Protein backbone atom coordinates (compact mmCIF):
# COMPACT_ATOMS: atom_id res chain seq x y z
CA UNK A 1 -22.17 37.07 90.96
CA UNK A 2 -25.94 38.45 89.84
CA UNK A 3 -24.14 39.09 86.59
CA UNK A 4 -23.20 35.74 86.05
CA UNK A 5 -26.22 34.38 87.14
CA UNK A 6 -28.20 36.66 84.26
CA UNK A 7 -26.08 36.01 81.99
CA UNK A 8 -25.91 32.09 82.60
CA UNK A 9 -30.05 32.41 82.46
CA UNK A 10 -30.18 33.97 78.82
CA UNK A 11 -27.71 31.45 77.88
CA UNK A 12 -29.56 28.83 79.11
CA UNK A 13 -32.53 29.88 76.58
CA UNK A 14 -30.59 31.00 73.31
CA UNK A 15 -33.51 31.01 70.99
CA UNK A 16 -35.62 33.30 72.81
CA UNK A 17 -32.86 35.19 73.81
CA UNK A 18 -32.41 35.73 70.45
CA UNK A 19 -35.79 36.62 69.39
CA UNK A 20 -35.77 38.95 72.17
CA UNK A 21 -32.70 40.50 70.44
CA UNK A 22 -33.87 40.56 67.08
CA UNK A 23 -37.04 42.32 68.04
CA UNK A 24 -35.35 45.26 69.88
CA UNK A 25 -33.26 45.39 67.03
CA UNK A 26 -36.35 45.57 64.50
CA UNK A 27 -37.24 48.33 66.65
CA UNK A 28 -34.32 50.55 66.80
CA UNK A 29 -33.97 49.56 62.60
CA UNK A 30 -37.66 50.96 62.10
CA UNK A 31 -37.22 54.24 63.83
CA UNK A 32 -33.50 55.22 62.70
CA UNK A 33 -34.09 53.84 58.91
CA UNK A 34 -38.12 55.44 58.46
CA UNK A 35 -36.45 58.68 60.40
CA UNK A 36 -33.49 58.78 58.39
CA UNK A 37 -35.05 58.36 54.96
CA UNK A 38 -37.58 61.49 56.09
CA UNK A 39 -34.27 63.57 57.01
CA UNK A 40 -32.09 62.18 54.42
CA UNK A 41 -34.73 63.51 51.91
CA UNK A 42 -35.01 66.44 53.46
CA UNK A 43 -31.60 67.44 53.72
CA UNK A 44 -30.90 66.24 50.21
CA UNK A 45 -33.35 68.62 49.18
CA UNK A 46 -31.89 71.62 50.64
CA UNK A 47 -28.61 70.59 50.09
CA UNK A 48 -29.13 70.48 46.08
CA UNK A 49 -31.73 74.03 46.48
CA UNK A 50 -28.55 75.75 48.09
CA UNK A 51 -26.82 74.38 45.58
CA UNK A 52 -28.62 75.84 43.03
CA UNK A 53 -27.00 79.37 43.65
CA UNK A 54 -30.01 81.58 43.84
CA UNK A 55 -29.85 84.56 46.19
CA UNK A 56 -34.06 84.63 45.99
CA UNK A 57 -36.60 82.24 45.16
CA UNK A 58 -40.02 83.57 43.47
CA UNK A 59 -43.02 80.86 43.64
CA UNK A 60 -46.61 81.14 42.97
CA UNK A 61 -48.80 82.37 45.43
CA UNK A 62 -50.10 79.54 47.53
CA UNK A 63 -47.33 77.94 46.99
CA UNK A 64 -46.07 74.59 49.24
CA UNK A 65 -42.42 74.81 50.37
CA UNK A 66 -41.88 71.60 48.77
CA UNK A 67 -40.36 73.01 45.21
CA UNK A 68 -42.25 70.69 42.10
CA UNK A 69 -45.45 70.47 43.99
CA UNK A 70 -46.74 73.87 42.69
CA UNK A 71 -47.28 72.57 39.28
CA UNK A 72 -46.98 75.40 36.40
CA UNK A 73 -49.34 78.15 37.20
CA UNK A 74 -46.89 81.40 37.03
CA UNK A 75 -46.43 82.90 33.79
CA UNK A 76 -42.89 83.11 32.49
CA UNK A 77 -43.27 86.68 31.61
CA UNK A 78 -43.02 87.29 34.98
CA UNK A 79 -39.23 86.83 34.84
CA UNK A 80 -38.80 90.15 32.70
CA UNK A 81 -41.10 91.94 35.85
CA UNK A 82 -38.68 90.46 38.43
CA UNK A 83 -35.30 91.32 36.23
CA UNK A 84 -36.19 94.55 36.40
CA UNK A 85 -35.75 94.88 40.26
CA UNK A 86 -32.66 96.71 41.50
CA UNK A 87 -29.80 94.67 42.32
CA UNK A 88 -30.73 91.42 40.24
CA UNK A 89 -28.54 90.28 38.04
CA UNK A 90 -30.37 86.93 36.58
CA UNK A 91 -33.48 85.61 36.66
CA UNK A 92 -33.80 81.67 35.88
CA UNK A 93 -37.45 80.08 34.95
CA UNK A 94 -37.91 76.17 36.08
CA UNK A 95 -40.68 74.57 35.22
CA UNK A 96 -40.97 71.31 37.47
CA UNK A 97 -42.96 68.12 37.10
CA UNK A 98 -43.19 65.19 39.96
CA UNK A 99 -42.89 61.86 38.39
CA UNK A 100 -43.87 58.55 40.36
CA UNK A 101 -42.34 56.03 37.79
CA UNK A 102 -39.97 54.47 39.71
CA UNK A 103 -39.11 57.13 42.41
CA UNK A 104 -40.68 60.02 43.42
CA UNK A 105 -38.83 62.43 41.89
CA UNK A 106 -39.11 66.18 40.86
CA UNK A 107 -37.93 66.75 37.19
CA UNK A 108 -36.93 69.93 35.95
CA UNK A 109 -37.35 71.59 32.82
CA UNK A 110 -34.54 74.51 32.48
CA UNK A 111 -33.47 77.42 30.81
CA UNK A 112 -29.57 76.38 30.37
CA UNK A 113 -28.51 79.93 29.70
CA UNK A 114 -30.12 81.47 32.61
CA UNK A 115 -29.83 78.82 34.89
CA UNK A 116 -25.85 78.26 34.43
CA UNK A 117 -25.78 81.80 35.23
CA UNK A 118 -26.33 81.27 38.52
CA UNK A 119 -23.98 78.33 39.15
CA UNK A 120 -22.59 76.66 36.15
CA UNK A 121 -22.75 72.71 35.75
CA UNK A 122 -20.09 70.48 36.51
CA UNK A 123 -20.29 68.16 33.42
CA UNK A 124 -18.86 65.00 34.60
CA UNK A 125 -19.12 63.36 30.98
CA UNK A 126 -20.71 64.67 27.64
CA UNK A 127 -21.80 68.13 27.61
CA UNK A 128 -25.15 70.60 27.69
CA UNK A 129 -27.85 70.02 25.13
CA UNK A 130 -27.65 69.33 21.32
CA UNK A 131 -31.63 69.23 20.74
CA UNK A 132 -35.41 68.87 22.50
CA UNK A 133 -34.97 65.31 23.15
CA UNK A 134 -31.72 65.42 25.57
CA UNK A 135 -31.95 65.27 29.24
CA UNK A 136 -28.93 65.91 31.58
CA UNK A 137 -28.74 63.43 34.73
CA UNK A 138 -26.87 63.54 38.07
CA UNK A 139 -23.93 61.41 38.77
CA UNK A 140 -25.94 60.18 41.69
CA UNK A 141 -29.01 58.57 39.31
CA UNK A 142 -26.57 57.70 36.81
CA UNK A 143 -24.25 55.21 39.22
CA UNK A 144 -27.66 54.24 40.52
CA UNK A 145 -29.52 53.21 37.27
CA UNK A 146 -25.92 52.58 35.64
CA UNK A 147 -26.51 55.54 32.91
CA UNK A 148 -24.64 56.87 30.57
CA UNK A 149 -24.31 59.35 27.81
CA UNK A 150 -25.60 58.14 24.51
CA UNK A 151 -28.15 55.86 26.59
CA UNK A 152 -31.80 56.53 26.00
CA UNK A 153 -34.07 56.47 29.15
CA UNK A 154 -37.48 57.09 29.78
CA UNK A 155 -39.05 60.05 31.27
CA UNK A 156 -42.82 60.69 31.09
CA UNK A 157 -43.31 57.93 29.01
CA UNK A 158 -40.97 59.62 26.49
CA UNK A 159 -37.37 58.43 24.84
CA UNK A 160 -34.55 60.87 25.59
CA UNK A 161 -31.09 60.97 25.23
CA UNK A 162 -28.70 61.50 28.28
CA UNK A 163 -26.34 64.07 26.61
CA UNK A 164 -24.44 64.59 29.86
CA UNK A 165 -23.80 63.25 33.37
CA UNK A 166 -23.36 66.19 35.99
CA UNK A 167 -22.28 66.30 39.59
CA UNK A 168 -25.28 66.29 42.01
CA UNK A 169 -26.49 69.36 43.98
CA UNK A 170 -27.63 71.58 41.49
CA UNK A 171 -31.96 70.89 42.20
CA UNK A 172 -33.15 68.08 40.38
CA UNK A 173 -31.48 65.31 38.83
CA UNK A 174 -32.70 65.06 35.75
CA UNK A 175 -32.92 68.15 33.80
CA UNK A 176 -34.69 68.78 30.31
CA UNK A 177 -35.08 71.85 28.22
CA UNK A 178 -37.79 74.03 29.34
CA UNK A 179 -39.46 74.02 26.11
CA UNK A 180 -39.82 70.35 25.94
CA UNK A 181 -40.76 69.92 29.51
CA UNK A 182 -43.77 73.05 29.03
CA UNK A 183 -45.13 70.66 25.58
CA UNK A 184 -45.11 67.44 27.85
CA UNK A 185 -47.15 69.37 30.50
CA UNK A 186 -49.47 71.35 27.99
CA UNK A 187 -47.78 74.29 30.12
CA UNK A 188 -46.25 76.40 27.63
CA UNK A 189 -45.04 79.70 28.69
CA UNK A 190 -45.15 78.98 32.21
CA UNK A 191 -42.95 78.32 35.18
CA UNK A 192 -43.23 76.56 38.46
CA UNK A 193 -40.14 78.91 40.34
CA UNK A 194 -37.88 81.52 39.27
CA UNK A 195 -34.38 81.68 40.65
CA UNK A 196 -33.01 85.32 41.36
CA UNK A 197 -29.38 85.99 41.18
CA UNK A 198 -28.09 89.07 42.78
CA UNK A 199 -25.58 91.32 42.57
CA UNK A 200 -24.85 90.97 46.38
CA UNK A 201 -26.49 88.07 48.47
CA UNK A 202 -26.89 90.70 51.35
CA UNK A 203 -29.90 92.27 49.38
CA UNK A 204 -31.88 89.08 49.36
CA UNK A 205 -34.15 90.58 51.70
CA UNK A 206 -34.56 93.80 50.45
CA UNK A 207 -34.93 92.15 46.78
CA UNK A 208 -37.66 89.89 47.77
CA UNK A 209 -39.60 92.74 49.64
CA UNK A 210 -39.50 94.83 46.59
CA UNK A 211 -40.89 91.86 44.41
CA UNK A 212 -43.97 91.98 46.49
CA UNK A 213 -44.44 95.29 46.41
CA UNK A 214 -44.61 95.34 42.20
CA UNK A 215 -48.27 95.61 41.15
CA UNK A 216 -49.68 92.27 40.47
CA UNK A 217 -47.42 90.22 42.35
CA UNK A 218 -48.58 90.80 46.40
CA UNK A 219 -49.78 87.22 46.71
CA UNK A 220 -46.46 85.56 45.16
CA UNK A 221 -44.09 83.99 47.30
CA UNK A 222 -40.46 85.76 47.08
CA UNK A 223 -38.34 84.90 49.52
CA UNK A 224 -34.84 85.01 50.55
CA UNK A 225 -32.80 81.26 49.75
CA UNK A 226 -31.38 81.56 53.25
CA UNK A 227 -35.00 82.04 54.35
CA UNK A 228 -36.37 79.52 52.49
CA UNK A 229 -33.96 76.76 53.47
CA UNK A 230 -34.06 77.40 56.93
CA UNK A 231 -37.99 76.35 56.75
CA UNK A 232 -37.26 73.06 55.30
CA UNK A 233 -37.93 71.44 58.01
CA UNK A 234 -39.58 68.15 59.10
CA UNK A 235 -42.62 70.43 60.67
CA UNK A 236 -42.93 72.33 57.23
CA UNK A 237 -43.61 69.08 55.50
CA UNK A 238 -47.25 67.72 56.10
CA UNK A 239 -47.76 64.85 57.89
CA UNK A 240 -43.66 64.01 57.84
CA UNK A 241 -43.42 65.03 61.86
CA UNK A 242 -46.55 63.02 62.38
CA UNK A 243 -45.40 59.77 60.94
CA UNK A 244 -42.67 59.56 62.71
CA UNK A 245 -44.52 59.54 65.88
CA UNK A 246 -46.51 57.10 64.38
CA UNK A 247 -43.44 54.96 63.37
CA UNK A 248 -41.99 55.50 67.07
CA UNK A 249 -45.25 54.23 68.56
CA UNK A 250 -45.44 51.05 66.82
CA UNK A 251 -41.33 50.56 67.44
CA UNK A 252 -42.11 50.62 71.39
CA UNK A 253 -44.93 48.28 70.95
CA UNK A 254 -43.10 46.09 68.90
CA UNK A 255 -40.65 45.96 71.86
CA UNK A 256 -43.17 46.05 74.35
CA UNK A 257 -44.84 43.06 73.56
CA UNK A 258 -41.98 40.96 72.44
CA UNK A 259 -39.79 41.90 75.83
CA UNK A 260 -43.17 41.36 77.61
CA UNK A 261 -43.53 37.51 76.31
CA UNK A 262 -40.32 36.62 76.86
CA UNK A 263 -40.08 37.69 80.40
CA UNK A 264 -43.01 36.90 81.55
CA UNK A 265 -42.52 33.04 79.86
CA UNK A 266 -39.10 33.41 81.85
CA UNK A 267 -40.76 34.21 85.26
CA UNK A 268 -42.87 31.54 84.67
CA UNK A 269 -40.62 28.42 83.87
CA UNK A 270 -38.17 29.88 86.84
CA UNK A 271 -40.97 29.64 89.69
CA UNK A 272 -38.88 26.74 91.43
CA UNK A 273 -35.55 28.75 90.86
CA UNK A 274 -37.07 31.99 91.96
CA UNK A 275 -38.26 30.39 95.08
CA UNK A 276 -34.43 29.00 95.90
CA UNK A 277 -33.09 32.45 95.68
CA UNK A 278 -36.44 33.95 97.76
CA UNK A 279 -35.61 31.15 100.86
CA UNK A 280 -32.12 32.17 100.64
CA UNK A 281 -33.04 35.36 101.99
CA UNK A 282 -33.15 37.13 98.39
CA UNK A 283 -35.76 39.94 98.51
CA UNK A 284 -38.02 41.18 96.63
CA UNK A 285 -36.12 44.09 95.17
CA UNK A 286 -33.51 41.67 94.12
CA UNK A 287 -35.46 39.57 92.44
CA UNK A 288 -36.75 42.55 90.32
CA UNK A 289 -33.45 43.82 90.13
CA UNK A 290 -32.60 40.14 88.24
CA UNK A 291 -35.38 40.53 86.24
CA UNK A 292 -34.79 44.25 84.85
CA UNK A 293 -30.97 43.54 84.31
CA UNK A 294 -32.04 40.61 81.73
CA UNK A 295 -34.26 43.08 80.06
CA UNK A 296 -31.12 45.61 79.85
CA UNK A 297 -28.85 43.05 78.80
CA UNK A 298 -31.18 41.89 75.93
CA UNK A 299 -31.72 45.73 74.88
CA UNK A 300 -28.44 46.54 74.65
CA UNK A 301 -27.78 43.64 72.26
CA UNK A 302 -30.61 44.43 70.05
CA UNK A 303 -29.69 47.84 70.39
CA UNK A 304 -26.29 47.39 68.87
CA UNK A 305 -27.65 44.76 66.49
CA UNK A 306 -30.21 47.50 65.13
CA UNK A 307 -27.73 49.89 64.78
CA UNK A 308 -25.01 48.05 62.97
CA UNK A 309 -28.21 46.67 60.32
CA UNK A 310 -29.52 50.19 60.26
CA UNK A 311 -25.86 51.70 59.10
CA UNK A 312 -25.73 48.59 56.67
CA UNK A 313 -28.84 48.92 55.16
CA UNK A 314 -28.04 53.04 54.83
CA UNK A 315 -24.60 51.52 52.61
CA UNK A 316 -26.98 49.57 50.60
CA UNK A 317 -29.61 52.33 50.13
CA UNK A 318 -27.16 54.61 49.18
CA UNK A 319 -25.31 52.50 46.88
CA UNK A 320 -28.66 51.40 44.41
CA UNK A 321 -31.26 54.35 44.62
CA UNK A 322 -31.45 57.94 44.07
CA UNK A 323 -33.05 57.87 48.09
CA UNK A 324 -30.45 59.42 50.89
CA UNK A 325 -30.59 58.12 54.30
CA UNK A 326 -29.16 59.88 57.16
CA UNK A 327 -28.36 58.12 60.56
CA UNK A 328 -27.49 60.95 63.47
CA UNK A 329 -26.11 60.43 66.90
CA UNK A 330 -29.19 62.27 68.24
CA UNK A 331 -31.46 59.81 66.67
CA UNK A 332 -29.47 56.66 67.64
CA UNK A 333 -28.97 57.74 71.08
CA UNK A 334 -33.06 58.63 71.09
CA UNK A 335 -33.44 55.32 69.57
CA UNK A 336 -31.49 53.86 72.17
CA UNK A 337 -33.92 55.14 74.38
CA UNK A 338 -37.01 54.36 73.22
CA UNK A 339 -35.92 51.06 73.04
CA UNK A 340 -34.47 50.80 76.58
CA UNK A 341 -37.99 52.63 77.84
CA UNK A 342 -40.08 50.04 76.14
CA UNK A 343 -37.78 46.65 76.98
CA UNK A 344 -38.25 48.00 80.63
CA UNK A 345 -41.59 48.98 80.52
CA UNK A 346 -42.34 45.33 79.09
CA UNK A 347 -40.65 43.86 81.83
CA UNK A 348 -42.38 45.58 84.63
CA UNK A 349 -45.07 42.93 84.83
CA UNK A 350 -43.00 39.81 84.50
CA UNK A 351 -40.52 41.26 87.35
CA UNK A 352 -43.23 42.10 89.56
CA UNK A 353 -44.93 38.77 89.57
CA UNK A 354 -41.48 37.18 90.62
CA UNK A 355 -41.14 38.98 93.10
CA UNK A 356 -44.77 38.42 94.64
CA UNK A 357 -43.90 34.82 94.39
CA UNK A 358 -44.42 32.79 98.15
CA UNK A 359 -40.94 30.76 98.25
CA UNK A 360 -43.31 27.68 99.83
CA UNK A 361 -45.44 27.38 96.97
CA UNK A 362 -42.40 28.52 94.55
CA UNK A 363 -40.45 25.68 96.06
CA UNK A 364 -43.17 23.05 95.81
CA UNK A 365 -43.55 24.14 92.24
CA UNK A 366 -43.32 21.12 89.53
């Protein structure tokens, strides 16, 4: 009986119910998409670093955990020093440059021979560099921007011919010859990072320790790739965890205010109805239960709509850009819980006001 009354009340005010559901859906969507973008960028970066095929990574002193934000302060001759360490079979110097022309992206300048010695590229179309003004792009960038081999694209305000489309997962999405990017950055003879391949990954920790014992290398960052990848978490990226918390707080406030307004107005409009219920013997707890159940039903509808919208938006973003969005089951549960808590908090005061109404005054209300 109560459930039928609740659904009838919501159906009697379809516009207000729809607005409440949309507000909760917006709350859920904000959380899932913003968190999904942060996790997607992080996971994508981790997977692409793992796909390079290195066992040890060497970066200049004071380097950020984010490859690409260190510039090019390391002499490339350091690679010759690292190459002499036991168990090292390949050292690939890479220079990186961050571009913000369209999306925030890291462009890699590579020595193709040593970089492919780590793990070869999988060429989907085209082939290796033929000249200094060639660029290789991965298939995700090519699909999102409708790029094909032979086409000219702008990178750092310079035209480059696309010589190949390679399978994603090898570090960057755009690869230039090492010397070309060095010239563009005015960093001849410099590198941002060294990727080191060993005769056995089991020596990674030992080799990283040996590199830091070399005179003059004590302040350099030398890590096993497995340890480096384990550090790539939201807490390691400056401001990411705080940003996610801020988004959650804003989302809860949105859900709280809209539900509060909707349920408070509903209680005021149903004063006489509440008086009839109380005159028939309905307790305060019963009245509160009715209001909270209505709120829960609205929240569930909003959660379902928010999840569906988030999944649809993820497909669109993945298809039309190089950004990756990760919507996990764990965050769906968290977003759902946050939405329910926010909605219930918004309904508490209206429910309290409804329960406190005097049945005589309520019946006399016009």
